Amino acid sequence: MTLYYTLVFALLVTEMIIFALLIIPLPYTMKRKLFAFISESPIIAKLQYGLKITFIFILILFIDSVNRVYSVQVELAKTKSSQNSAMLEGSGRMEVQARKFYSQRNMYLCGFTLFLSLILNRTYVMILDTLRLEEKVKRYEGDPKASGKDSDRLAQAGGAGEIGKLKNQLAQKDRDIETLKKQSEGLSREYNNLGDQMNPKDSTPKKDR
């Protein structure tokens, strides 16, 4: 197995582990804190962006493996239909069968990796929706634990890292507002100083000629 297909296999195993962790029954409080952390973590957001690029390359490998499987099938069909069946005997047959096996293996590996990534994304969204509904039910029932900080973070979560991005944008806008306030105060002081300097000149009585 080549290096990039080994990396694809490692990613597939990682996805299987993450999927198993998602479906493990956890206490409600622990699950709420975990998903609130995932939803607002900027590290998770960067990792998710990198995985999107990785899955694009895996899709290219999947298309290439499908093409190789088709080519081997066409070659086998031509060889069987030809009158010279000696190519199907011995090492020639083993070589074609090996190529067919490797191309099919690569196709299944990339295909299952892509398919499991879609399942993980959908499972994550469904768990978030379930937690939000549970929060609403607990609030309607008057549960005081349903109005905590984690509940607010979870209710606003729209995707991994989105809350972190919004907080950074809000902090940047607050800094811009503070800078504008300081500039406005400086301009106001300058305007008042100029007014104080101009008023004595205008208020001096004119001499009679």
C-alpha atoms as a PDB file:
ATOM      1  CA  MET A   1       0.000   0.000   0.000  1.00  0.00           C
ATOM      2  CA  THR A   2       1.415   3.384  -0.997  1.00  0.00           C
ATOM      3  CA  LEU A   3       1.894   6.235   1.466  1.00  0.00           C
ATOM      4  CA  TYR A   4      -1.188   8.228   0.530  1.00  0.00           C
ATOM      5  CA  TYR A   5      -3.457   5.189   0.685  1.00  0.00           C
ATOM      6  CA  THR A   6      -1.936   4.384   4.091  1.00  0.00           C
ATOM      7  CA  LEU A   7      -2.892   7.901   5.211  1.00  0.00           C
ATOM      8  CA  VAL A   8      -6.395   7.372   3.849  1.00  0.00           C
ATOM      9  CA  PHE A   9      -6.649   4.148   5.857  1.00  0.00           C
ATOM     10  CA  ALA A  10      -5.447   5.971   8.987  1.00  0.00           C
ATOM     11  CA  LEU A  11      -8.107   8.633   8.403  1.00  0.00           C
ATOM     12  CA  LEU A  12     -10.747   5.921   8.007  1.00  0.00           C
ATOM     13  CA  VAL A  13      -9.746   4.360  11.340  1.00  0.00           C
ATOM     14  CA  THR A  14      -9.831   7.811  12.972  1.00  0.00           C
ATOM     15  CA  GLU A  15     -13.342   8.397  11.617  1.00  0.00           C
ATOM     16  CA  MET A  16     -14.452   5.045  13.007  1.00  0.00           C
ATOM     17  CA  ILE A  17     -13.086   5.949  16.443  1.00  0.00           C
ATOM     18  CA  ILE A  18     -14.781   9.380  16.368  1.00  0.00           C
ATOM     19  CA  PHE A  19     -18.067   7.802  15.311  1.00  0.00           C
ATOM     20  CA  ALA A  20     -17.828   5.306  18.176  1.00  0.00           C
ATOM     21  CA  LEU A  21     -17.187   8.174  20.612  1.00  0.00           C
ATOM     22  CA  LEU A  22     -20.186  10.095  19.287  1.00  0.00           C
ATOM     23  CA  ILE A  23     -22.618   7.221  19.793  1.00  0.00           C
ATOM     24  CA  ILE A  24     -21.311   6.220  23.236  1.00  0.00           C
ATOM     25  CA  PRO A  25     -24.021   7.032  25.809  1.00  0.00           C
ATOM     26  CA  LEU A  26     -22.705   9.793  28.073  1.00  0.00           C
ATOM     27  CA  PRO A  27     -24.321  11.704  30.923  1.00  0.00           C
ATOM     28  CA  TYR A  28     -26.363  14.653  29.706  1.00  0.00           C
ATOM     29  CA  THR A  29     -24.198  17.290  31.429  1.00  0.00           C
ATOM     30  CA  MET A  30     -20.956  15.845  30.099  1.00  0.00           C
ATOM     31  CA  LYS A  31     -22.329  15.571  26.561  1.00  0.00           C
ATOM     32  CA  ARG A  32     -23.599  19.164  26.697  1.00  0.00           C
ATOM     33  CA  LYS A  33     -20.208  20.512  27.785  1.00  0.00           C
ATOM     34  CA  LEU A  34     -18.388  18.408  25.191  1.00  0.00           C
ATOM     35  CA  PHE A  35     -20.489  19.608  22.275  1.00  0.00           C
ATOM     36  CA  ALA A  36     -20.408  23.203  23.514  1.00  0.00           C
ATOM     37  CA  PHE A  37     -16.605  23.030  23.512  1.00  0.00           C
ATOM     38  CA  ILE A  38     -16.511  21.499  20.018  1.00  0.00           C
ATOM     39  CA  SER A  39     -18.891  24.132  18.684  1.00  0.00           C
ATOM     40  CA  GLU A  40     -16.824  27.121  19.794  1.00  0.00           C
ATOM     41  CA  SER A  41     -13.254  25.806  19.620  1.00  0.00           C
ATOM     42  CA  PRO A  42     -11.154  27.611  16.949  1.00  0.00           C
ATOM     43  CA  ILE A  43      -8.773  24.629  16.845  1.00  0.00           C
ATOM     44  CA  ILE A  44     -11.641  22.344  15.808  1.00  0.00           C
ATOM     45  CA  ALA A  45     -12.617  24.893  13.157  1.00  0.00           C
ATOM     46  CA  LYS A  46      -9.104  24.887  11.671  1.00  0.00           C
ATOM     47  CA  LEU A  47      -9.013  21.093  11.792  1.00  0.00           C
ATOM     48  CA  GLN A  48     -12.373  20.927  10.037  1.00  0.00           C
ATOM     49  CA  TYR A  49     -11.133  23.251   7.294  1.00  0.00           C
ATOM     50  CA  GLY A  50      -8.039  21.091   6.773  1.00  0.00           C
ATOM     51  CA  LEU A  51     -10.173  17.950   6.603  1.00  0.00           C
ATOM     52  CA  LYS A  52     -12.338  19.498   3.893  1.00  0.00           C
ATOM     53  CA  ILE A  53      -9.236  19.976   1.739  1.00  0.00           C
ATOM     54  CA  THR A  54      -8.105  16.424   2.560  1.00  0.00           C
ATOM     55  CA  PHE A  55     -11.449  14.979   1.487  1.00  0.00           C
ATOM     56  CA  ILE A  56     -11.132  16.765  -1.856  1.00  0.00           C
ATOM     57  CA  PHE A  57      -7.874  14.879  -2.491  1.00  0.00           C
ATOM     58  CA  ILE A  58      -9.504  11.628  -1.349  1.00  0.00           C
ATOM     59  CA  LEU A  59     -12.313  12.253  -3.826  1.00  0.00           C
ATOM     60  CA  ILE A  60      -9.693  12.601  -6.584  1.00  0.00           C
ATOM     61  CA  LEU A  61      -8.112   9.301  -5.479  1.00  0.00           C
ATOM     62  CA  PHE A  62     -11.547   7.669  -5.499  1.00  0.00           C
ATOM     63  CA  ILE A  63     -12.227   8.809  -9.059  1.00  0.00           C
ATOM     64  CA  ASP A  64      -8.789   7.560 -10.127  1.00  0.00           C
ATOM     65  CA  SER A  65      -9.358   4.165  -8.484  1.00  0.00           C
ATOM     66  CA  VAL A  66     -12.761   3.809 -10.193  1.00  0.00           C
ATOM     67  CA  ASN A  67     -11.073   4.560 -13.501  1.00  0.00           C
ATOM     68  CA  ARG A  68      -8.424   1.908 -12.819  1.00  0.00           C
ATOM     69  CA  VAL A  69     -11.075  -0.681 -11.936  1.00  0.00           C
ATOM     70  CA  TYR A  70     -12.886   0.048 -15.174  1.00  0.00           C
ATOM     71  CA  SER A  71      -9.640  -0.219 -17.166  1.00  0.00           C
ATOM     72  CA  VAL A  72      -8.792  -3.603 -15.648  1.00  0.00           C
ATOM     73  CA  GLN A  73     -12.313  -4.892 -16.321  1.00  0.00           C
ATOM     74  CA  VAL A  74     -12.057  -3.803 -19.945  1.00  0.00           C
ATOM     75  CA  GLU A  75      -8.661  -5.476 -20.262  1.00  0.00           C
ATOM     76  CA  LEU A  76      -9.984  -8.721 -18.810  1.00  0.00           C
ATOM     77  CA  ALA A  77     -12.981  -8.656 -21.132  1.00  0.00           C
ATOM     78  CA  LYS A  78     -10.756  -8.131 -24.188  1.00  0.00           C
ATOM     79  CA  THR A  79      -8.408 -10.910 -23.122  1.00  0.00           C
ATOM     80  CA  LYS A  80     -11.228 -13.392 -22.570  1.00  0.00           C
ATOM     81  CA  SER A  81     -12.828 -12.578 -25.910  1.00  0.00           C
ATOM     82  CA  SER A  82      -9.571 -12.963 -27.790  1.00  0.00           C
ATOM     83  CA  GLN A  83      -8.588 -16.303 -29.290  1.00  0.00           C
ATOM     84  CA  ASN A  84      -5.190 -16.315 -27.617  1.00  0.00           C
ATOM     85  CA  SER A  85      -6.088 -17.529 -24.137  1.00  0.00           C
ATOM     86  CA  ALA A  86      -2.480 -18.123 -23.140  1.00  0.00           C
ATOM     87  CA  MET A  87      -2.384 -14.649 -21.615  1.00  0.00           C
ATOM     88  CA  LEU A  88      -4.932 -15.805 -19.040  1.00  0.00           C
ATOM     89  CA  GLU A  89      -2.665 -18.593 -17.834  1.00  0.00           C
ATOM     90  CA  GLY A  90       0.190 -18.436 -15.390  1.00  0.00           C
ATOM     91  CA  SER A  91       1.864 -15.189 -14.382  1.00  0.00           C
ATOM     92  CA  GLY A  92      -0.112 -13.065 -16.836  1.00  0.00           C
ATOM     93  CA  ARG A  93      -3.396 -14.015 -15.224  1.00  0.00           C
ATOM     94  CA  MET A  94      -1.999 -13.481 -11.727  1.00  0.00           C
ATOM     95  CA  GLU A  95      -0.694 -10.030 -12.688  1.00  0.00           C
ATOM     96  CA  VAL A  96      -4.077  -8.917 -14.048  1.00  0.00           C
ATOM     97  CA  GLN A  97      -5.921 -10.325 -11.040  1.00  0.00           C
ATOM     98  CA  ALA A  98      -3.515  -8.535  -8.679  1.00  0.00           C
ATOM     99  CA  ARG A  99      -4.103  -5.229 -10.455  1.00  0.00           C
ATOM    100  CA  LYS A 100      -7.836  -5.800 -10.217  1.00  0.00           C
ATOM    101  CA  PHE A 101      -7.607  -6.567  -6.494  1.00  0.00           C
ATOM    102  CA  TYR A 102      -5.496  -3.481  -5.680  1.00  0.00           C
ATOM    103  CA  SER A 103      -7.655  -1.132  -7.728  1.00  0.00           C
ATOM    104  CA  GLN A 104     -10.839  -2.445  -6.099  1.00  0.00           C
ATOM    105  CA  ARG A 105      -9.258  -2.215  -2.650  1.00  0.00           C
ATOM    106  CA  ASN A 106      -8.303   1.425  -3.236  1.00  0.00           C
ATOM    107  CA  MET A 107     -11.768   2.212  -4.561  1.00  0.00           C
ATOM    108  CA  TYR A 108     -13.483   0.706  -1.508  1.00  0.00           C
ATOM    109  CA  LEU A 109     -11.034   2.393   0.872  1.00  0.00           C
ATOM    110  CA  CYS A 110     -11.575   5.884  -0.544  1.00  0.00           C
ATOM    111  CA  GLY A 111     -15.302   5.328  -0.986  1.00  0.00           C
ATOM    112  CA  PHE A 112     -15.891   4.213   2.591  1.00  0.00           C
ATOM    113  CA  THR A 113     -13.762   7.091   3.913  1.00  0.00           C
ATOM    114  CA  LEU A 114     -15.858   9.649   2.023  1.00  0.00           C
ATOM    115  CA  PHE A 115     -19.121   7.952   2.972  1.00  0.00           C
ATOM    116  CA  LEU A 116     -18.185   7.810   6.666  1.00  0.00           C
ATOM    117  CA  SER A 117     -17.279  11.521   6.628  1.00  0.00           C
ATOM    118  CA  LEU A 118     -20.841  12.309   5.492  1.00  0.00           C
ATOM    119  CA  ILE A 119     -22.242  10.043   8.216  1.00  0.00           C
ATOM    120  CA  LEU A 120     -20.102  11.756  10.867  1.00  0.00           C
ATOM    121  CA  ASN A 121     -21.229  15.207   9.788  1.00  0.00           C
ATOM    122  CA  ARG A 122     -24.890  14.206   9.775  1.00  0.00           C
ATOM    123  CA  THR A 123     -24.575  12.422  13.137  1.00  0.00           C
ATOM    124  CA  TYR A 124     -22.963  15.497  14.701  1.00  0.00           C
ATOM    125  CA  VAL A 125     -25.755  17.768  13.429  1.00  0.00           C
ATOM    126  CA  MET A 126     -28.456  15.365  14.648  1.00  0.00           C
ATOM    127  CA  ILE A 127     -26.909  15.143  18.134  1.00  0.00           C
ATOM    128  CA  LEU A 128     -26.737  18.947  18.305  1.00  0.00           C
ATOM    129  CA  ASP A 129     -30.397  19.209  17.322  1.00  0.00           C
ATOM    130  CA  THR A 130     -31.325  16.602  19.928  1.00  0.00           C
ATOM    131  CA  LEU A 131     -29.438  18.470  22.651  1.00  0.00           C
ATOM    132  CA  ARG A 132     -31.141  21.739  21.690  1.00  0.00           C
ATOM    133  CA  LEU A 133     -34.560  20.093  21.893  1.00  0.00           C
ATOM    134  CA  GLU A 134     -33.703  18.600  25.283  1.00  0.00           C
ATOM    135  CA  GLU A 135     -32.617  22.048  26.483  1.00  0.00           C
ATOM    136  CA  LYS A 136     -35.943  23.553  25.377  1.00  0.00           C
ATOM    137  CA  VAL A 137     -37.907  20.803  27.106  1.00  0.00           C
ATOM    138  CA  LYS A 138     -35.966  21.271  30.348  1.00  0.00           C
ATOM    139  CA  ARG A 139     -36.513  25.042  30.208  1.00  0.00           C
ATOM    140  CA  TYR A 140     -40.239  24.564  29.693  1.00  0.00           C
ATOM    141  CA  GLU A 141     -40.283  22.219  32.670  1.00  0.00           C
ATOM    142  CA  GLY A 142     -38.504  24.841  34.791  1.00  0.00           C
ATOM    143  CA  ASP A 143     -35.217  23.007  35.265  1.00  0.00           C
ATOM    144  CA  PRO A 144     -32.643  25.552  36.605  1.00  0.00           C
ATOM    145  CA  LYS A 145     -29.745  23.587  35.092  1.00  0.00           C
ATOM    146  CA  ALA A 146     -31.053  24.303  31.596  1.00  0.00           C
ATOM    147  CA  SER A 147     -30.272  28.020  31.799  1.00  0.00           C
ATOM    148  CA  GLY A 148     -26.545  27.840  32.331  1.00  0.00           C
ATOM    149  CA  LYS A 149     -23.635  29.083  30.283  1.00  0.00           C
ATOM    150  CA  ASP A 150     -23.188  25.800  28.420  1.00  0.00           C
ATOM    151  CA  SER A 151     -26.842  25.851  27.399  1.00  0.00           C
ATOM    152  CA  ASP A 152     -26.510  29.300  25.854  1.00  0.00           C
ATOM    153  CA  ARG A 153     -23.356  28.287  24.007  1.00  0.00           C
ATOM    154  CA  LEU A 154     -25.004  25.123  22.759  1.00  0.00           C
ATOM    155  CA  ALA A 155     -28.158  26.933  21.651  1.00  0.00           C
ATOM    156  CA  GLN A 156     -26.113  29.310  19.513  1.00  0.00           C
ATOM    157  CA  ALA A 157     -23.890  26.629  18.017  1.00  0.00           C
ATOM    158  CA  GLY A 158     -24.254  26.410  14.270  1.00  0.00           C
ATOM    159  CA  GLY A 159     -21.096  24.512  13.454  1.00  0.00           C
ATOM    160  CA  ALA A 160     -17.640  23.703  14.760  1.00  0.00           C
ATOM    161  CA  GLY A 161     -15.735  26.878  15.613  1.00  0.00           C
ATOM    162  CA  GLU A 162     -18.521  29.269  14.637  1.00  0.00           C
ATOM    163  CA  ILE A 163     -18.965  30.660  18.158  1.00  0.00           C
ATOM    164  CA  GLY A 164     -15.211  31.209  18.445  1.00  0.00           C
ATOM    165  CA  LYS A 165     -15.161  33.112  15.162  1.00  0.00           C
ATOM    166  CA  LEU A 166     -18.104  35.272  16.207  1.00  0.00           C
ATOM    167  CA  LYS A 167     -16.467  36.048  19.537  1.00  0.00           C
ATOM    168  CA  ASN A 168     -13.249  37.080  17.816  1.00  0.00           C
ATOM    169  CA  GLN A 169     -15.173  39.304  15.413  1.00  0.00           C
ATOM    170  CA  LEU A 170     -17.102  40.847  18.299  1.00  0.00           C
ATOM    171  CA  ALA A 171     -13.899  41.483  20.252  1.00  0.00           C
ATOM    172  CA  GLN A 172     -12.337  43.116  17.179  1.00  0.00           C
ATOM    173  CA  LYS A 173     -15.370  45.384  16.773  1.00  0.00           C
ATOM    174  CA  ASP A 174     -15.196  46.318  20.457  1.00  0.00           C
ATOM    175  CA  ARG A 175     -11.551  47.295  20.022  1.00  0.00           C
ATOM    176  CA  ASP A 176     -12.447  49.357  16.959  1.00  0.00           C
ATOM    177  CA  ILE A 177     -15.190  51.110  18.925  1.00  0.00           C
ATOM    178  CA  GLU A 178     -12.773  51.897  21.765  1.00  0.00           C
ATOM    179  CA  THR A 179     -10.280  53.305  19.256  1.00  0.00           C
ATOM    180  CA  LEU A 180     -12.972  55.464  17.682  1.00  0.00           C
ATOM    181  CA  LYS A 181     -14.036  56.699  21.119  1.00  0.00           C
ATOM    182  CA  LYS A 182     -10.479  57.716  21.956  1.00  0.00           C
ATOM    183  CA  GLN A 183     -10.121  59.491  18.625  1.00  0.00           C
ATOM    184  CA  SER A 184     -13.452  61.241  19.169  1.00  0.00           C
ATOM    185  CA  GLU A 185     -12.406  62.375  22.652  1.00  0.00           C
ATOM    186  CA  GLY A 186      -9.120  63.693  21.269  1.00  0.00           C
ATOM    187  CA  LEU A 187     -10.882  65.628  18.519  1.00  0.00           C
ATOM    188  CA  SER A 188     -13.369  67.010  21.053  1.00  0.00           C
ATOM    189  CA  ARG A 189     -10.543  68.253  23.273  1.00  0.00           C
ATOM    190  CA  GLU A 190      -8.819  69.870  20.316  1.00  0.00           C
ATOM    191  CA  TYR A 191     -12.068  71.543  19.291  1.00  0.00           C
ATOM    192  CA  ASN A 192     -12.637  72.883  22.800  1.00  0.00           C
ATOM    193  CA  ASN A 193      -9.066  74.181  22.983  1.00  0.00           C
ATOM    194  CA  LEU A 194      -9.463  75.983  19.673  1.00  0.00           C
ATOM    195  CA  GLY A 195     -12.774  77.426  20.877  1.00  0.00           C
ATOM    196  CA  ASP A 196     -11.155  78.675  24.073  1.00  0.00           C
ATOM    197  CA  GLN A 197      -8.361  80.287  22.073  1.00  0.00           C
ATOM    198  CA  MET A 198     -10.730  82.001  19.622  1.00  0.00           C
ATOM    199  CA  ASN A 199     -13.306  83.290  22.128  1.00  0.00           C
ATOM    200  CA  PRO A 200     -11.040  85.818  23.959  1.00  0.00           C
ATOM    201  CA  LYS A 201     -10.088  87.474  20.675  1.00  0.00           C
ATOM    202  CA  ASP A 202     -13.695  87.783  19.588  1.00  0.00           C
ATOM    203  CA  SER A 203     -14.851  89.089  22.990  1.00  0.00           C
ATOM    204  CA  THR A 204     -12.278  91.986  23.325  1.00  0.00           C
ATOM    205  CA  PRO A 205     -14.040  95.405  22.959  1.00  0.00           C
ATOM    206  CA  LYS A 206     -13.236  97.434  19.898  1.00  0.00           C
ATOM    207  CA  LYS A 207     -11.595 100.865  20.443  1.00  0.00           C
ATOM    208  CA  ASP A 208     -13.450 104.016  19.281  1.00  0.00           C
ATOM    209  CA  ARG A 209     -11.701 105.861  16.558  1.00  0.00           C
END
